[in-house]
Amino acid sequence: MLAGYASAASTSKWGIVSQTPKESVMEPTFEMARQVSLIAILFMLFVFALSLSMLKKIVNPIRNLALYAKQMTTEPSRPVPQIPNWYFELKELKRAILIAVDFYQTKLTNAESESNLDPLTGFYNRRFLEKKISELDRYSIILFDIDHFKAVNDQFGHQVGDEVLKFLSELVKGETRASDLCFRIGGEEFLIILPETDIYITESVAERIRKITEYTLSPSGKPVTVSMGISSYPAAAYSFSELLNKTDQALYKAKHEGRNRVVIAL
């Protein structure tokens, strides 16, 4: 029992005693505590679910952006993750990452491109030739070099010799198509690959280059001439190495027959 006592007024000699069973007091208290706990648990579960949802909404874009930043070098085609418009800070971070990616990709592309180019003439180098030739099915080639180039270097110096090489490369660019591939494969030796071109058109292109070179003043103060060998794949050979060897023999024949001429490799 739970009991309480209070005396009456000081003039009286009686008092009041109140008794209540403990269960009648504790049971409502426990019931109220149970109801409050149930409501509190439900509210906590609601808050937890809401927090989890909001956390997921905030964290997922960050995780996707982090995965993109991690894998963009191995998967260049990976799509750029979308960032919600309300996520201003992450949108700015994404913009900064994309700027950095574009900057370094441009640097990498330029570096790779420069590694495939001859710095003096701007033509492709032999390294790129080996890579590019495997992509072609039908083509013709023009192999040529400058006649008596050593005499140019000996008489005018290597600086003028370099200017002659640049001069010749500009003439060749003006007489070839955008689809044609020009290479410097030696000191004064050049190669032009003409995709999907027969030997007759190739001969016409070679003659144009030979004539314009012969009749144009070079940096040495006088024209230079070129000797050329031409051939076509697969008509004249079964592989590029065989074709190049045959064309080199045609070039040697052009020099042996007096230089400044075009010889077809059969």
C-alpha atoms as a PDB file:
ATOM      1  CA  MET A   1       0.000   0.000   0.000  1.00  0.00           C
ATOM      2  CA  LEU A   2       0.959   3.622  -0.473  1.00  0.00           C
ATOM      3  CA  ALA A   3      -0.177   5.751   2.481  1.00  0.00           C
ATOM      4  CA  GLY A   4      -0.299   9.443   3.256  1.00  0.00           C
ATOM      5  CA  TYR A   5      -1.225  11.331   6.481  1.00  0.00           C
ATOM      6  CA  ALA A   6      -2.215  14.913   7.234  1.00  0.00           C
ATOM      7  CA  SER A   7      -3.416  16.426  10.535  1.00  0.00           C
ATOM      8  CA  ALA A   8      -6.413  18.667  10.735  1.00  0.00           C
ATOM      9  CA  ALA A   9      -6.388  22.218  12.113  1.00  0.00           C
ATOM     10  CA  SER A  10      -4.332  22.734  15.245  1.00  0.00           C
ATOM     11  CA  THR A  11      -7.455  23.125  17.367  1.00  0.00           C
ATOM     12  CA  SER A  12      -8.827  19.764  16.404  1.00  0.00           C
ATOM     13  CA  LYS A  13      -7.472  16.451  17.451  1.00  0.00           C
ATOM     14  CA  TRP A  14      -8.049  14.437  14.372  1.00  0.00           C
ATOM     15  CA  GLY A  15      -6.249  13.761  11.149  1.00  0.00           C
ATOM     16  CA  ILE A  16      -6.625  12.124   7.766  1.00  0.00           C
ATOM     17  CA  VAL A  17      -4.893   8.997   6.552  1.00  0.00           C
ATOM     18  CA  SER A  18      -5.120   8.014   2.847  1.00  0.00           C
ATOM     19  CA  GLN A  19      -4.134   4.597   1.587  1.00  0.00           C
ATOM     20  CA  THR A  20      -3.937   3.403  -2.010  1.00  0.00           C
ATOM     21  CA  PRO A  21      -2.822   0.047  -3.382  1.00  0.00           C
ATOM     22  CA  LYS A  22       0.597   0.355  -5.036  1.00  0.00           C
ATOM     23  CA  GLU A  23      -0.628  -1.332  -8.204  1.00  0.00           C
ATOM     24  CA  SER A  24      -3.288   1.348  -8.757  1.00  0.00           C
ATOM     25  CA  VAL A  25      -0.555   4.000  -8.876  1.00  0.00           C
ATOM     26  CA  MET A  26       2.223   2.125 -10.627  1.00  0.00           C
ATOM     27  CA  GLU A  27       0.107   0.557 -13.352  1.00  0.00           C
ATOM     28  CA  PRO A  28      -0.980   3.901 -14.961  1.00  0.00           C
ATOM     29  CA  THR A  29       2.624   5.099 -14.666  1.00  0.00           C
ATOM     30  CA  PHE A  30       3.947   2.021 -16.457  1.00  0.00           C
ATOM     31  CA  GLU A  31       1.212   2.296 -19.074  1.00  0.00           C
ATOM     32  CA  MET A  32       2.060   5.936 -19.699  1.00  0.00           C
ATOM     33  CA  ALA A  33       5.778   5.067 -19.907  1.00  0.00           C
ATOM     34  CA  ARG A  34       5.016   2.240 -22.349  1.00  0.00           C
ATOM     35  CA  GLN A  35       2.953   4.513 -24.571  1.00  0.00           C
ATOM     36  CA  VAL A  36       5.612   7.250 -24.468  1.00  0.00           C
ATOM     37  CA  SER A  37       8.344   4.694 -25.268  1.00  0.00           C
ATOM     38  CA  LEU A  38       6.338   3.315 -28.184  1.00  0.00           C
ATOM     39  CA  ILE A  39       5.789   6.773 -29.602  1.00  0.00           C
ATOM     40  CA  ALA A  40       9.447   7.638 -29.011  1.00  0.00           C
ATOM     41  CA  ILE A  41      10.628   4.461 -30.770  1.00  0.00           C
ATOM     42  CA  LEU A  42       8.353   5.110 -33.747  1.00  0.00           C
ATOM     43  CA  PHE A  43       9.566   8.701 -33.913  1.00  0.00           C
ATOM     44  CA  MET A  44      13.198   7.572 -33.681  1.00  0.00           C
ATOM     45  CA  LEU A  45      12.636   5.043 -36.480  1.00  0.00           C
ATOM     46  CA  PHE A  46      11.065   7.749 -38.594  1.00  0.00           C
ATOM     47  CA  VAL A  47      13.965  10.126 -37.893  1.00  0.00           C
ATOM     48  CA  PHE A  48      16.466   7.330 -38.679  1.00  0.00           C
ATOM     49  CA  ALA A  49      14.770   6.476 -41.984  1.00  0.00           C
ATOM     50  CA  LEU A  50      14.552  10.146 -42.913  1.00  0.00           C
ATOM     51  CA  SER A  51      18.211  10.693 -41.988  1.00  0.00           C
ATOM     52  CA  LEU A  52      19.270   7.610 -43.972  1.00  0.00           C
ATOM     53  CA  SER A  53      17.335   8.802 -47.004  1.00  0.00           C
ATOM     54  CA  MET A  54      18.805  12.294 -46.783  1.00  0.00           C
ATOM     55  CA  LEU A  55      22.300  10.884 -46.196  1.00  0.00           C
ATOM     56  CA  LYS A  56      21.918   8.632 -49.222  1.00  0.00           C
ATOM     57  CA  LYS A  57      20.721  11.577 -51.282  1.00  0.00           C
ATOM     58  CA  ILE A  58      23.781  13.572 -50.208  1.00  0.00           C
ATOM     59  CA  VAL A  59      26.399  10.803 -50.279  1.00  0.00           C
ATOM     60  CA  ASN A  60      25.469   9.031 -53.550  1.00  0.00           C
ATOM     61  CA  PRO A  61      26.407  11.979 -55.824  1.00  0.00           C
ATOM     62  CA  ILE A  62      29.725  12.304 -53.946  1.00  0.00           C
ATOM     63  CA  ARG A  63      30.422   8.584 -54.317  1.00  0.00           C
ATOM     64  CA  ASN A  64      29.550   8.633 -58.040  1.00  0.00           C
ATOM     65  CA  LEU A  65      31.811  11.628 -58.605  1.00  0.00           C
ATOM     66  CA  ALA A  66      34.610   9.934 -56.651  1.00  0.00           C
ATOM     67  CA  LEU A  67      34.259   6.749 -58.765  1.00  0.00           C
ATOM     68  CA  TYR A  68      34.312   8.835 -61.937  1.00  0.00           C
ATOM     69  CA  ALA A  69      37.466  10.643 -60.811  1.00  0.00           C
ATOM     70  CA  LYS A  70      39.088   7.291 -59.966  1.00  0.00           C
ATOM     71  CA  GLN A  71      38.190   5.446 -63.165  1.00  0.00           C
ATOM     72  CA  MET A  72      38.270   8.201 -65.796  1.00  0.00           C
ATOM     73  CA  THR A  73      41.844   7.309 -66.820  1.00  0.00           C
ATOM     74  CA  THR A  74      41.057   3.622 -67.411  1.00  0.00           C
ATOM     75  CA  GLU A  75      37.548   4.210 -68.808  1.00  0.00           C
ATOM     76  CA  PRO A  76      37.592   7.419 -70.869  1.00  0.00           C
ATOM     77  CA  SER A  77      34.083   6.714 -72.192  1.00  0.00           C
ATOM     78  CA  ARG A  78      32.608   6.509 -68.681  1.00  0.00           C
ATOM     79  CA  PRO A  79      29.626   8.939 -68.524  1.00  0.00           C
ATOM     80  CA  VAL A  80      29.968  12.000 -66.323  1.00  0.00           C
ATOM     81  CA  PRO A  81      27.738  11.618 -63.237  1.00  0.00           C
ATOM     82  CA  GLN A  82      24.762  13.939 -62.911  1.00  0.00           C
ATOM     83  CA  ILE A  83      24.717  16.249 -59.895  1.00  0.00           C
ATOM     84  CA  PRO A  84      21.369  17.597 -58.553  1.00  0.00           C
ATOM     85  CA  ASN A  85      20.899  21.317 -59.105  1.00  0.00           C
ATOM     86  CA  TRP A  86      20.447  21.945 -55.390  1.00  0.00           C
ATOM     87  CA  TYR A  87      23.899  20.506 -54.628  1.00  0.00           C
ATOM     88  CA  PHE A  88      25.812  23.689 -55.426  1.00  0.00           C
ATOM     89  CA  GLU A  89      29.061  22.762 -53.680  1.00  0.00           C
ATOM     90  CA  LEU A  90      29.327  19.393 -55.429  1.00  0.00           C
ATOM     91  CA  LYS A  91      28.446  20.924 -58.803  1.00  0.00           C
ATOM     92  CA  GLU A  92      31.372  23.301 -58.349  1.00  0.00           C
ATOM     93  CA  LEU A  93      33.622  20.387 -57.404  1.00  0.00           C
ATOM     94  CA  LYS A  94      32.469  18.476 -60.479  1.00  0.00           C
ATOM     95  CA  ARG A  95      33.193  21.498 -62.666  1.00  0.00           C
ATOM     96  CA  ALA A  96      36.698  21.771 -61.202  1.00  0.00           C
ATOM     97  CA  ILE A  97      37.333  18.049 -61.813  1.00  0.00           C
ATOM     98  CA  LEU A  98      36.136  18.270 -65.424  1.00  0.00           C
ATOM     99  CA  ILE A  99      38.340  21.300 -66.051  1.00  0.00           C
ATOM    100  CA  ALA A 100      41.330  19.413 -64.633  1.00  0.00           C
ATOM    101  CA  VAL A 101      40.477  16.284 -66.666  1.00  0.00           C
ATOM    102  CA  ASP A 102      40.138  18.286 -69.879  1.00  0.00           C
ATOM    103  CA  PHE A 103      43.425  20.097 -69.186  1.00  0.00           C
ATOM    104  CA  TYR A 104      45.417  16.919 -68.608  1.00  0.00           C
ATOM    105  CA  GLN A 105      43.738  15.043 -71.453  1.00  0.00           C
ATOM    106  CA  THR A 106      44.689  17.893 -73.781  1.00  0.00           C
ATOM    107  CA  LYS A 107      48.241  17.785 -72.434  1.00  0.00           C
ATOM    108  CA  LEU A 108      48.355  14.007 -72.926  1.00  0.00           C
ATOM    109  CA  THR A 109      46.938  14.226 -76.450  1.00  0.00           C
ATOM    110  CA  ASN A 110      49.417  16.940 -77.373  1.00  0.00           C
ATOM    111  CA  ALA A 111      52.303  14.966 -75.893  1.00  0.00           C
ATOM    112  CA  GLU A 112      51.255  11.830 -77.774  1.00  0.00           C
ATOM    113  CA  SER A 113      50.813  13.811 -80.975  1.00  0.00           C
ATOM    114  CA  GLU A 114      54.219  15.467 -80.597  1.00  0.00           C
ATOM    115  CA  SER A 115      55.847  12.090 -79.996  1.00  0.00           C
ATOM    116  CA  ASN A 116      54.566  10.999 -83.425  1.00  0.00           C
ATOM    117  CA  LEU A 117      55.764  14.108 -85.261  1.00  0.00           C
ATOM    118  CA  ASP A 118      59.112  15.127 -86.662  1.00  0.00           C
ATOM    119  CA  PRO A 119      59.804  18.492 -84.962  1.00  0.00           C
ATOM    120  CA  LEU A 120      61.565  19.996 -87.985  1.00  0.00           C
ATOM    121  CA  THR A 121      59.124  19.261 -90.817  1.00  0.00           C
ATOM    122  CA  GLY A 122      55.895  18.553 -88.941  1.00  0.00           C
ATOM    123  CA  PHE A 123      55.611  15.238 -90.805  1.00  0.00           C
ATOM    124  CA  TYR A 124      54.909  11.994 -88.969  1.00  0.00           C
ATOM    125  CA  ASN A 125      57.905   9.963 -87.847  1.00  0.00           C
ATOM    126  CA  ARG A 126      58.759   6.287 -88.391  1.00  0.00           C
ATOM    127  CA  ARG A 127      57.256   5.336 -85.035  1.00  0.00           C
ATOM    128  CA  PHE A 128      53.816   6.471 -86.171  1.00  0.00           C
ATOM    129  CA  LEU A 129      54.299   4.804 -89.558  1.00  0.00           C
ATOM    130  CA  GLU A 130      54.366   1.337 -88.008  1.00  0.00           C
ATOM    131  CA  LYS A 131      51.151   2.054 -86.128  1.00  0.00           C
ATOM    132  CA  LYS A 132      49.274   3.664 -89.020  1.00  0.00           C
ATOM    133  CA  ILE A 133      50.138   1.236 -91.804  1.00  0.00           C
ATOM    134  CA  SER A 134      48.331  -1.621 -90.035  1.00  0.00           C
ATOM    135  CA  GLU A 135      45.047   0.295 -90.330  1.00  0.00           C
ATOM    136  CA  LEU A 136      45.129   0.528 -94.141  1.00  0.00           C
ATOM    137  CA  ASP A 137      43.908  -2.076 -96.628  1.00  0.00           C
ATOM    138  CA  ARG A 138      44.699  -0.475 -99.987  1.00  0.00           C
ATOM    139  CA  TYR A 139      47.161   2.327-100.663  1.00  0.00           C
ATOM    140  CA  SER A 140      50.066   3.592-102.743  1.00  0.00           C
ATOM    141  CA  ILE A 141      53.329   5.079-101.535  1.00  0.00           C
ATOM    142  CA  ILE A 142      55.827   7.667-102.758  1.00  0.00           C
ATOM    143  CA  LEU A 143      59.370   7.311-101.449  1.00  0.00           C
ATOM    144  CA  PHE A 144      61.727  10.161-102.252  1.00  0.00           C
ATOM    145  CA  ASP A 145      64.756  12.092-101.110  1.00  0.00           C
ATOM    146  CA  ILE A 146      66.607  15.282-102.044  1.00  0.00           C
ATOM    147  CA  ASP A 147      69.273  14.938-104.694  1.00  0.00           C
ATOM    148  CA  HIS A 148      72.800  15.916-103.586  1.00  0.00           C
ATOM    149  CA  PHE A 149      71.524  17.059-100.171  1.00  0.00           C
ATOM    150  CA  LYS A 150      74.951  16.512 -98.632  1.00  0.00           C
ATOM    151  CA  ALA A 151      76.318  19.143-101.002  1.00  0.00           C
ATOM    152  CA  VAL A 152      73.697  21.610 -99.722  1.00  0.00           C
ATOM    153  CA  ASN A 153      74.821  21.010 -96.133  1.00  0.00           C
ATOM    154  CA  ASP A 154      78.501  21.219 -97.067  1.00  0.00           C
ATOM    155  CA  GLN A 155      78.137  24.417 -99.079  1.00  0.00           C
ATOM    156  CA  PHE A 156      75.545  26.350 -97.046  1.00  0.00           C
ATOM    157  CA  GLY A 157      75.650  24.725 -93.612  1.00  0.00           C
ATOM    158  CA  HIS A 158      73.218  22.565 -91.683  1.00  0.00           C
ATOM    159  CA  GLN A 159      70.966  25.484 -90.771  1.00  0.00           C
ATOM    160  CA  VAL A 160      70.227  26.144 -94.439  1.00  0.00           C
ATOM    161  CA  GLY A 161      69.911  22.384 -94.904  1.00  0.00           C
ATOM    162  CA  ASP A 162      67.201  22.319 -92.247  1.00  0.00           C
ATOM    163  CA  GLU A 163      65.445  25.223 -93.979  1.00  0.00           C
ATOM    164  CA  VAL A 164      65.504  23.255 -97.234  1.00  0.00           C
ATOM    165  CA  LEU A 165      63.875  20.299 -95.502  1.00  0.00           C
ATOM    166  CA  LYS A 166      61.144  22.544 -94.088  1.00  0.00           C
ATOM    167  CA  PHE A 167      60.724  24.191 -97.489  1.00  0.00           C
ATOM    168  CA  LEU A 168      60.250  20.807 -99.156  1.00  0.00           C
ATOM    169  CA  SER A 169      57.774  19.648 -96.522  1.00  0.00           C
ATOM    170  CA  GLU A 170      55.622  22.734 -97.175  1.00  0.00           C
ATOM    171  CA  LEU A 171      55.645  22.056-100.925  1.00  0.00           C
ATOM    172  CA  VAL A 172      54.574  18.462-100.305  1.00  0.00           C
ATOM    173  CA  LYS A 173      51.743  19.532 -97.996  1.00  0.00           C
ATOM    174  CA  GLY A 174      50.459  21.825-100.717  1.00  0.00           C
ATOM    175  CA  GLU A 175      50.356  19.009-103.280  1.00  0.00           C
ATOM    176  CA  THR A 176      48.780  16.270-101.132  1.00  0.00           C
ATOM    177  CA  ARG A 177      45.293  15.676 -99.780  1.00  0.00           C
ATOM    178  CA  ALA A 178      44.200  15.892 -96.159  1.00  0.00           C
ATOM    179  CA  SER A 179      43.803  12.094 -96.150  1.00  0.00           C
ATOM    180  CA  ASP A 180      47.376  11.505 -97.346  1.00  0.00           C
ATOM    181  CA  LEU A 181      50.008  10.708 -94.715  1.00  0.00           C
ATOM    182  CA  CYS A 182      53.444  12.304 -94.944  1.00  0.00           C
ATOM    183  CA  PHE A 183      56.447  10.883 -93.065  1.00  0.00           C
ATOM    184  CA  ARG A 184      60.072  11.816 -92.581  1.00  0.00           C
ATOM    185  CA  ILE A 185      61.802   8.456 -92.243  1.00  0.00           C
ATOM    186  CA  GLY A 186      65.424   9.540 -92.544  1.00  0.00           C
ATOM    187  CA  GLY A 187      67.665  12.583 -92.784  1.00  0.00           C
ATOM    188  CA  GLU A 188      66.432  13.779 -96.205  1.00  0.00           C
ATOM    189  CA  GLU A 189      64.237  10.771 -97.013  1.00  0.00           C
ATOM    190  CA  PHE A 190      60.458  11.103 -97.068  1.00  0.00           C
ATOM    191  CA  LEU A 191      57.475   8.822 -97.531  1.00  0.00           C
ATOM    192  CA  ILE A 192      53.926   9.658 -98.579  1.00  0.00           C
ATOM    193  CA  ILE A 193      51.096   7.157 -98.124  1.00  0.00           C
ATOM    194  CA  LEU A 194      48.033   7.739-100.289  1.00  0.00           C
ATOM    195  CA  PRO A 195      45.091   5.643 -99.010  1.00  0.00           C
ATOM    196  CA  GLU A 196      42.686   4.149-101.553  1.00  0.00           C
ATOM    197  CA  THR A 197      44.772   5.493-104.453  1.00  0.00           C
ATOM    198  CA  ASP A 198      45.880   3.621-107.576  1.00  0.00           C
ATOM    199  CA  ILE A 199      49.350   3.813-109.098  1.00  0.00           C
ATOM    200  CA  TYR A 200      48.318   6.201-111.895  1.00  0.00           C
ATOM    201  CA  ILE A 201      47.022   8.912-109.582  1.00  0.00           C
ATOM    202  CA  THR A 202      50.062   8.338-107.362  1.00  0.00           C
ATOM    203  CA  GLU A 203      52.364   8.901-110.329  1.00  0.00           C
ATOM    204  CA  SER A 204      50.528  12.153-111.118  1.00  0.00           C
ATOM    205  CA  VAL A 205      50.952  13.383-107.533  1.00  0.00           C
ATOM    206  CA  ALA A 206      54.643  12.432-107.536  1.00  0.00           C
ATOM    207  CA  GLU A 207      55.243  14.288-110.820  1.00  0.00           C
ATOM    208  CA  ARG A 208      53.554  17.431-109.471  1.00  0.00           C
ATOM    209  CA  ILE A 209      55.782  17.391-106.402  1.00  0.00           C
ATOM    210  CA  ARG A 210      58.896  16.735-108.490  1.00  0.00           C
ATOM    211  CA  LYS A 211      58.163  19.575-110.918  1.00  0.00           C
ATOM    212  CA  ILE A 212      57.181  22.191-108.341  1.00  0.00           C
ATOM    213  CA  THR A 213      60.340  21.354-106.385  1.00  0.00           C
ATOM    214  CA  GLU A 214      62.493  21.662-109.497  1.00  0.00           C
ATOM    215  CA  TYR A 215      61.099  25.073-110.447  1.00  0.00           C
ATOM    216  CA  THR A 216      60.846  26.719-107.012  1.00  0.00           C
ATOM    217  CA  LEU A 217      63.728  28.531-105.358  1.00  0.00           C
ATOM    218  CA  SER A 218      64.762  26.875-102.121  1.00  0.00           C
ATOM    219  CA  PRO A 219      66.317  28.586 -99.070  1.00  0.00           C
ATOM    220  CA  SER A 220      69.723  27.774-100.556  1.00  0.00           C
ATOM    221  CA  GLY A 221      69.024  30.351-103.297  1.00  0.00           C
ATOM    222  CA  LYS A 222      68.432  27.829-106.048  1.00  0.00           C
ATOM    223  CA  PRO A 223      66.022  24.970-106.704  1.00  0.00           C
ATOM    224  CA  VAL A 224      66.660  21.461-105.446  1.00  0.00           C
ATOM    225  CA  THR A 225      65.474  18.267-107.109  1.00  0.00           C
ATOM    226  CA  VAL A 226      64.079  15.022-105.794  1.00  0.00           C
ATOM    227  CA  SER A 227      64.240  11.410-106.949  1.00  0.00           C
ATOM    228  CA  MET A 228      61.157   9.279-106.409  1.00  0.00           C
ATOM    229  CA  GLY A 229      60.079   5.662-106.298  1.00  0.00           C
ATOM    230  CA  ILE A 230      56.384   4.789-106.236  1.00  0.00           C
ATOM    231  CA  SER A 231      54.406   1.585-105.775  1.00  0.00           C
ATOM    232  CA  SER A 232      50.999   0.286-104.776  1.00  0.00           C
ATOM    233  CA  TYR A 233      49.660  -2.231-102.243  1.00  0.00           C
ATOM    234  CA  PRO A 234      48.500  -4.951-102.695  1.00  0.00           C
ATOM    235  CA  ALA A 235      49.137  -4.814-106.449  1.00  0.00           C
ATOM    236  CA  ALA A 236      52.940  -4.842-106.175  1.00  0.00           C
ATOM    237  CA  ALA A 237      53.561  -6.635-102.863  1.00  0.00           C
ATOM    238  CA  TYR A 238      51.975  -8.781-100.175  1.00  0.00           C
ATOM    239  CA  SER A 239      53.265  -6.794 -97.190  1.00  0.00           C
ATOM    240  CA  PHE A 240      54.344  -3.267 -96.386  1.00  0.00           C
ATOM    241  CA  SER A 241      57.957  -4.261 -95.786  1.00  0.00           C
ATOM    242  CA  GLU A 242      58.107  -5.907 -99.219  1.00  0.00           C
ATOM    243  CA  LEU A 243      56.428  -2.884-100.795  1.00  0.00           C
ATOM    244  CA  LEU A 244      58.861  -0.488 -99.117  1.00  0.00           C
ATOM    245  CA  ASN A 245      61.825  -2.561-100.257  1.00  0.00           C
ATOM    246  CA  LYS A 246      60.613  -2.575-103.872  1.00  0.00           C
ATOM    247  CA  THR A 247      59.933   1.166-103.775  1.00  0.00           C
ATOM    248  CA  ASP A 248      63.384   1.791-102.316  1.00  0.00           C
ATOM    249  CA  GLN A 249      64.877  -0.103-105.263  1.00  0.00           C
ATOM    250  CA  ALA A 250      62.825   2.075-107.624  1.00  0.00           C
ATOM    251  CA  LEU A 251      64.198   5.170-105.854  1.00  0.00           C
ATOM    252  CA  TYR A 252      67.745   3.852-106.270  1.00  0.00           C
ATOM    253  CA  LYS A 253      67.010   3.271-109.955  1.00  0.00           C
ATOM    254  CA  ALA A 254      65.784   6.866-110.311  1.00  0.00           C
ATOM    255  CA  LYS A 255      69.071   8.112-108.861  1.00  0.00           C
ATOM    256  CA  HIS A 256      71.103   5.745-111.007  1.00  0.00           C
ATOM    257  CA  GLU A 257      69.324   6.940-114.161  1.00  0.00           C
ATOM    258  CA  GLY A 258      70.187  10.596-113.522  1.00  0.00           C
ATOM    259  CA  ARG A 259      68.027  11.748-110.568  1.00  0.00           C
ATOM    260  CA  ASN A 260      65.093  14.175-110.648  1.00  0.00           C
ATOM    261  CA  ARG A 261      62.681  11.567-111.925  1.00  0.00           C
ATOM    262  CA  VAL A 262      59.858   9.191-110.848  1.00  0.00           C
ATOM    263  CA  VAL A 263      60.260   5.424-111.216  1.00  0.00           C
ATOM    264  CA  ILE A 264      57.434   2.916-110.670  1.00  0.00           C
ATOM    265  CA  ALA A 265      58.268  -0.232-108.707  1.00  0.00           C
ATOM    266  CA  LEU A 266      56.807  -3.292-110.429  1.00  0.00           C
END
